[in-house]
């Protein structure tokens, strides 16, 4: 599950040097992106509108549709 992977990455950052921590942040960003895409798909499949999804994500309806509309 994505959340478990994110928890592991965050937890592992304690005691890391700057380069290692930056690598962990980069991995975390990838995980967050994958999780967001998965949740947007699930939201659309459950009937949420682009407007409702955009509101949840704090972006415009156009932005969320442009990013995820073709998936």
N, C-alpha and C. Protein backbone atom coordinates (compact mmCIF):
# COMPACT_ATOMS: atom_id res chain seq x y z
N UNK A 1 0.84 -1.18 0.00
CA UNK A 1 0.00 0.00 0.00
C UNK A 1 0.88 1.24 0.00
N UNK A 2 0.47 2.26 -0.71
CA UNK A 2 1.26 3.47 -0.86
C UNK A 2 1.51 4.17 0.47
N UNK A 3 0.52 4.20 1.34
CA UNK A 3 0.66 4.90 2.61
C UNK A 3 1.77 4.26 3.45
N UNK A 4 1.83 2.95 3.46
CA UNK A 4 2.89 2.28 4.21
C UNK A 4 4.26 2.64 3.67
N UNK A 5 4.39 2.69 2.36
CA UNK A 5 5.67 3.08 1.74
C UNK A 5 6.04 4.50 2.13
N UNK A 6 5.07 5.42 2.15
CA UNK A 6 5.35 6.80 2.53
C UNK A 6 5.77 6.89 3.99
N UNK A 7 5.11 6.14 4.86
CA UNK A 7 5.49 6.14 6.28
C UNK A 7 6.92 5.64 6.45
N UNK A 8 7.26 4.59 5.72
CA UNK A 8 8.62 4.04 5.80
C UNK A 8 9.64 5.08 5.35
N UNK A 9 9.35 5.77 4.24
CA UNK A 9 10.28 6.78 3.74
C UNK A 9 10.45 7.92 4.74
N UNK A 10 9.36 8.40 5.30
CA UNK A 10 9.44 9.50 6.26
C UNK A 10 10.20 9.06 7.50
N UNK A 11 9.87 7.87 7.99
CA UNK A 11 10.54 7.36 9.19
C UNK A 11 12.03 7.15 9.00
N UNK A 12 12.41 6.81 7.78
CA UNK A 12 13.82 6.53 7.52
C UNK A 12 14.66 7.80 7.39
N UNK A 13 14.01 8.95 7.33
CA UNK A 13 14.76 10.20 7.13
C UNK A 13 15.52 10.65 8.38
N UNK A 14 15.11 10.17 9.55
CA UNK A 14 15.83 10.54 10.78
C UNK A 14 17.26 10.04 10.69
N UNK A 15 18.18 10.93 10.92
CA UNK A 15 19.58 10.55 10.94
C UNK A 15 20.24 10.48 9.57
N UNK A 16 19.50 10.78 8.52
CA UNK A 16 20.09 10.76 7.18
C UNK A 16 20.88 12.04 6.94
N UNK A 17 21.84 11.92 6.07
CA UNK A 17 22.54 13.10 5.61
C UNK A 17 21.67 13.83 4.60
N UNK A 18 22.06 15.03 4.21
CA UNK A 18 21.24 15.83 3.29
C UNK A 18 20.98 15.13 1.95
N UNK A 19 21.97 14.49 1.38
CA UNK A 19 21.79 13.85 0.07
C UNK A 19 20.82 12.68 0.18
N UNK A 20 20.97 11.88 1.22
CA UNK A 20 20.07 10.75 1.42
C UNK A 20 18.65 11.22 1.68
N UNK A 21 18.51 12.27 2.47
CA UNK A 21 17.19 12.81 2.77
C UNK A 21 16.53 13.37 1.51
N UNK A 22 17.30 14.00 0.66
CA UNK A 22 16.75 14.51 -0.61
C UNK A 22 16.29 13.37 -1.50
N UNK A 23 17.05 12.29 -1.53
CA UNK A 23 16.62 11.11 -2.29
C UNK A 23 15.31 10.56 -1.73
N UNK A 24 15.19 10.52 -0.41
CA UNK A 24 13.95 10.04 0.22
C UNK A 24 12.78 10.95 -0.12
N UNK A 25 13.02 12.26 -0.13
CA UNK A 25 11.96 13.22 -0.50
C UNK A 25 11.52 13.00 -1.94
N UNK A 26 12.48 12.77 -2.83
CA UNK A 26 12.14 12.51 -4.23
C UNK A 26 11.27 11.26 -4.36
N UNK A 27 11.62 10.21 -3.63
CA UNK A 27 10.81 8.99 -3.63
C UNK A 27 9.43 9.24 -3.05
N UNK A 28 9.38 10.04 -2.01
CA UNK A 28 8.11 10.39 -1.38
C UNK A 28 7.21 11.13 -2.35
N UNK A 29 7.78 12.06 -3.11
CA UNK A 29 7.00 12.79 -4.11
C UNK A 29 6.43 11.85 -5.16
N UNK A 30 7.21 10.87 -5.58
CA UNK A 30 6.71 9.89 -6.55
C UNK A 30 5.54 9.10 -5.97
N UNK A 31 5.69 8.67 -4.71
CA UNK A 31 4.63 7.91 -4.05
C UNK A 31 3.35 8.75 -3.92
N UNK A 32 3.52 10.01 -3.54
CA UNK A 32 2.36 10.89 -3.39
C UNK A 32 1.66 11.06 -4.75
N UNK A 33 2.43 11.22 -5.80
CA UNK A 33 1.84 11.35 -7.15
C UNK A 33 1.05 10.12 -7.55
N UNK A 34 1.64 8.94 -7.30
CA UNK A 34 0.94 7.69 -7.63
C UNK A 34 -0.33 7.53 -6.79
N UNK A 35 -0.23 7.88 -5.52
CA UNK A 35 -1.39 7.77 -4.63
C UNK A 35 -2.49 8.73 -5.06
N UNK A 36 -2.12 9.95 -5.41
CA UNK A 36 -3.10 10.94 -5.86
C UNK A 36 -3.81 10.44 -7.11
N UNK A 37 -3.05 9.94 -8.08
CA UNK A 37 -3.65 9.45 -9.32
C UNK A 37 -4.62 8.31 -9.05
N UNK A 38 -4.23 7.41 -8.17
CA UNK A 38 -5.09 6.28 -7.82
C UNK A 38 -6.37 6.75 -7.15
N UNK A 39 -6.25 7.71 -6.25
CA UNK A 39 -7.42 8.22 -5.55
C UNK A 39 -8.34 9.01 -6.47
N UNK A 40 -7.77 9.74 -7.41
CA UNK A 40 -8.60 10.47 -8.38
C UNK A 40 -9.38 9.47 -9.23
N UNK A 41 -8.72 8.39 -9.68
CA UNK A 41 -9.43 7.35 -10.45
C UNK A 41 -10.58 6.76 -9.64
N UNK A 42 -10.30 6.45 -8.38
CA UNK A 42 -11.33 5.87 -7.52
C UNK A 42 -12.48 6.86 -7.30
N UNK A 43 -12.14 8.12 -7.13
CA UNK A 43 -13.16 9.14 -6.93
C UNK A 43 -14.06 9.26 -8.16
N UNK A 44 -13.46 9.27 -9.34
CA UNK A 44 -14.24 9.36 -10.58
C UNK A 44 -15.12 8.12 -10.74
N UNK A 45 -14.58 6.96 -10.44
CA UNK A 45 -15.35 5.72 -10.57
C UNK A 45 -16.51 5.67 -9.59
N UNK A 46 -16.36 6.35 -8.45
CA UNK A 46 -17.45 6.37 -7.48
C UNK A 46 -18.45 7.49 -7.76
N UNK A 47 -18.19 8.27 -8.81
CA UNK A 47 -19.16 9.28 -9.22
C UNK A 47 -18.85 10.71 -8.83
N UNK A 48 -17.71 10.96 -8.21
CA UNK A 48 -17.36 12.34 -7.87
C UNK A 48 -17.11 13.15 -9.15
N UNK A 49 -17.53 14.37 -9.14
CA UNK A 49 -17.32 15.26 -10.28
C UNK A 49 -15.89 15.80 -10.26
N UNK A 50 -15.46 16.31 -11.41
CA UNK A 50 -14.14 16.95 -11.48
C UNK A 50 -14.10 18.14 -10.52
N UNK A 51 -15.21 18.83 -10.40
CA UNK A 51 -15.27 19.99 -9.50
C UNK A 51 -15.06 19.57 -8.04
N UNK A 52 -15.70 18.48 -7.63
CA UNK A 52 -15.55 17.99 -6.25
C UNK A 52 -14.12 17.53 -5.99
N UNK A 53 -13.54 16.84 -6.95
CA UNK A 53 -12.15 16.38 -6.81
C UNK A 53 -11.21 17.57 -6.72
N UNK A 54 -11.42 18.55 -7.57
CA UNK A 54 -10.59 19.76 -7.56
C UNK A 54 -10.67 20.46 -6.22
N UNK A 55 -11.86 20.55 -5.67
CA UNK A 55 -12.05 21.19 -4.37
C UNK A 55 -11.25 20.45 -3.29
N UNK A 56 -11.29 19.13 -3.32
CA UNK A 56 -10.53 18.32 -2.36
C UNK A 56 -9.03 18.55 -2.48
N UNK A 57 -8.55 18.71 -3.71
CA UNK A 57 -7.12 18.87 -3.96
C UNK A 57 -6.66 20.32 -3.86
N UNK A 58 -7.60 21.25 -3.77
CA UNK A 58 -7.24 22.66 -3.67
C UNK A 58 -6.73 23.25 -4.97
N UNK A 59 -7.25 22.74 -6.08
CA UNK A 59 -6.86 23.25 -7.40
C UNK A 59 -8.13 23.55 -8.20
N UNK A 60 -7.97 24.10 -9.38
CA UNK A 60 -9.13 24.38 -10.22
C UNK A 60 -9.63 23.10 -10.89
N UNK A 61 -10.89 23.13 -11.27
CA UNK A 61 -11.47 22.00 -11.99
C UNK A 61 -10.70 21.76 -13.29
N UNK A 62 -10.32 22.82 -13.96
CA UNK A 62 -9.58 22.70 -15.21
C UNK A 62 -8.22 22.03 -14.99
N UNK A 63 -7.56 22.39 -13.90
CA UNK A 63 -6.23 21.82 -13.62
C UNK A 63 -6.32 20.32 -13.36
N UNK A 64 -7.30 19.91 -12.57
CA UNK A 64 -7.40 18.48 -12.25
C UNK A 64 -7.86 17.69 -13.48
N UNK A 65 -8.73 18.27 -14.27
CA UNK A 65 -9.18 17.57 -15.48
C UNK A 65 -8.05 17.46 -16.50
N UNK A 66 -7.25 18.51 -16.61
CA UNK A 66 -6.11 18.48 -17.53
C UNK A 66 -5.10 17.41 -17.12
N UNK A 67 -4.86 17.28 -15.82
CA UNK A 67 -3.87 16.35 -15.32
C UNK A 67 -4.35 14.91 -15.37
N UNK A 68 -5.65 14.68 -15.09
CA UNK A 68 -6.15 13.32 -14.94
C UNK A 68 -7.28 12.94 -15.90
N UNK A 69 -7.73 13.86 -16.70
CA UNK A 69 -8.91 13.62 -17.54
C UNK A 69 -8.77 12.54 -18.57
N UNK A 70 -7.58 12.21 -19.00
CA UNK A 70 -7.38 11.23 -20.06
C UNK A 70 -7.01 9.85 -19.52
N UNK A 71 -7.07 9.67 -18.21
CA UNK A 71 -6.67 8.39 -17.61
C UNK A 71 -7.81 7.42 -17.61
